[in-house]
Protein backbone atom coordinates (compact mmCIF):
# COMPACT_ATOMS: atom_id res chain seq x y z
CA UNK A 1 -9.27 -10.84 -3.02
CA UNK A 2 -8.82 -8.72 -5.99
CA UNK A 3 -12.10 -6.98 -5.36
CA UNK A 4 -10.81 -6.12 -1.71
CA UNK A 5 -7.86 -4.50 -3.04
CA UNK A 6 -9.65 -2.65 -5.81
CA UNK A 7 -11.86 -1.27 -2.92
CA UNK A 8 -8.90 -0.36 -0.90
CA UNK A 9 -7.30 1.51 -3.79
CA UNK A 10 -10.61 3.30 -4.64
CA UNK A 11 -11.10 4.34 -0.97
CA UNK A 12 -7.65 5.82 -0.77
CA UNK A 13 -8.03 7.65 -4.09
CA UNK A 14 -11.31 9.10 -3.12
CA UNK A 15 -10.73 9.85 0.53
CA UNK A 16 -7.01 10.37 0.83
CA UNK A 17 -4.02 8.57 2.19
CA UNK A 18 -4.61 6.10 5.21
CA UNK A 19 -1.66 4.48 7.19
CA UNK A 20 1.17 1.97 6.84
CA UNK A 21 -0.95 -0.93 8.30
CA UNK A 22 -3.78 -0.38 5.96
CA UNK A 23 -1.42 -0.63 3.07
CA UNK A 24 0.55 -3.62 4.45
CA UNK A 25 -2.74 -5.46 4.70
CA UNK A 26 -3.75 -4.71 1.12
CA UNK A 27 -0.17 -5.69 -0.14
CA UNK A 28 -0.76 -9.08 1.53
CA UNK A 29 -4.15 -9.48 -0.05
CA UNK A 30 -2.56 -8.60 -3.47
CA UNK A 31 0.17 -11.10 -3.07
CA UNK A 32 -2.36 -13.76 -2.19
CA UNK A 33 -4.41 -12.87 -5.19
CA UNK A 34 -1.36 -13.13 -7.54
CA UNK A 35 -0.64 -16.51 -6.15
CA UNK A 36 -4.12 -17.76 -6.73
CA UNK A 37 -4.14 -16.28 -10.48
CA UNK A 38 -0.82 -18.06 -11.13
CA UNK A 39 -2.55 -21.29 -10.17
CA UNK A 40 -4.96 -20.91 -13.04
CA UNK A 41 -4.49 -22.25 -16.38
CA UNK A 42 -2.61 -19.73 -18.56
CA UNK A 43 -5.54 -19.12 -20.79
CA UNK A 44 -7.82 -18.24 -17.74
CA UNK A 45 -5.35 -15.50 -16.11
CA UNK A 46 -5.91 -12.71 -18.47
CA UNK A 47 -8.79 -11.00 -16.99
CA UNK A 48 -7.34 -11.30 -13.42
CA UNK A 49 -4.05 -10.19 -14.58
CA UNK A 50 -5.50 -7.04 -16.09
CA UNK A 51 -7.48 -6.09 -12.95
CA UNK A 52 -4.16 -6.59 -11.00
CA UNK A 53 -2.36 -4.26 -13.38
CA UNK A 54 -5.11 -1.84 -13.34
CA UNK A 55 -4.77 -1.74 -9.38
CA UNK A 56 -0.83 -1.36 -9.64
CA UNK A 57 -1.23 1.45 -12.09
CA UNK A 58 -3.74 3.33 -10.17
CA UNK A 59 -1.72 3.08 -6.92
CA UNK A 60 0.98 5.49 -8.29
CA UNK A 61 1.24 8.23 -5.85
CA UNK A 62 -0.23 6.42 -2.95
CA UNK A 63 2.37 6.63 0.07
CA UNK A 64 3.99 4.31 2.22
CA UNK A 65 5.81 2.38 -0.57
CA UNK A 66 2.48 0.77 -1.59
CA UNK A 67 2.75 1.42 -5.35
CA UNK A 68 6.32 0.22 -5.31
CA UNK A 69 5.44 -3.06 -3.65
CA UNK A 70 2.48 -3.68 -5.81
CA UNK A 71 4.69 -2.94 -8.96
CA UNK A 72 7.34 -5.38 -7.78
CA UNK A 73 4.84 -8.22 -6.93
CA UNK A 74 3.27 -7.72 -10.36
CA UNK A 75 6.45 -7.56 -12.29
CA UNK A 76 7.82 -10.74 -10.62
CA UNK A 77 4.47 -12.55 -11.27
CA UNK A 78 3.89 -11.66 -14.75
CA UNK A 79 7.58 -10.94 -16.17
CA UNK A 80 6.61 -11.30 -19.79
CA UNK A 81 4.43 -8.18 -19.63
């Protein structure tokens, strides 16, 4: 799931903005990935948390509220960061 969102981000950054449905789908996958990561033991989360954070950070400037939604999901899931 994380890889799918990484690919979606990379595609947008390389090719330009897509549409709202595309980003809504990526947001759903991102949220599901966060849910899975949070089910892992705390000591096993860090690699995935870093990848999720990198996705969120690289989405800055992408339209349709995508970056804001990823930021909100990330900050709720990992409030200690």
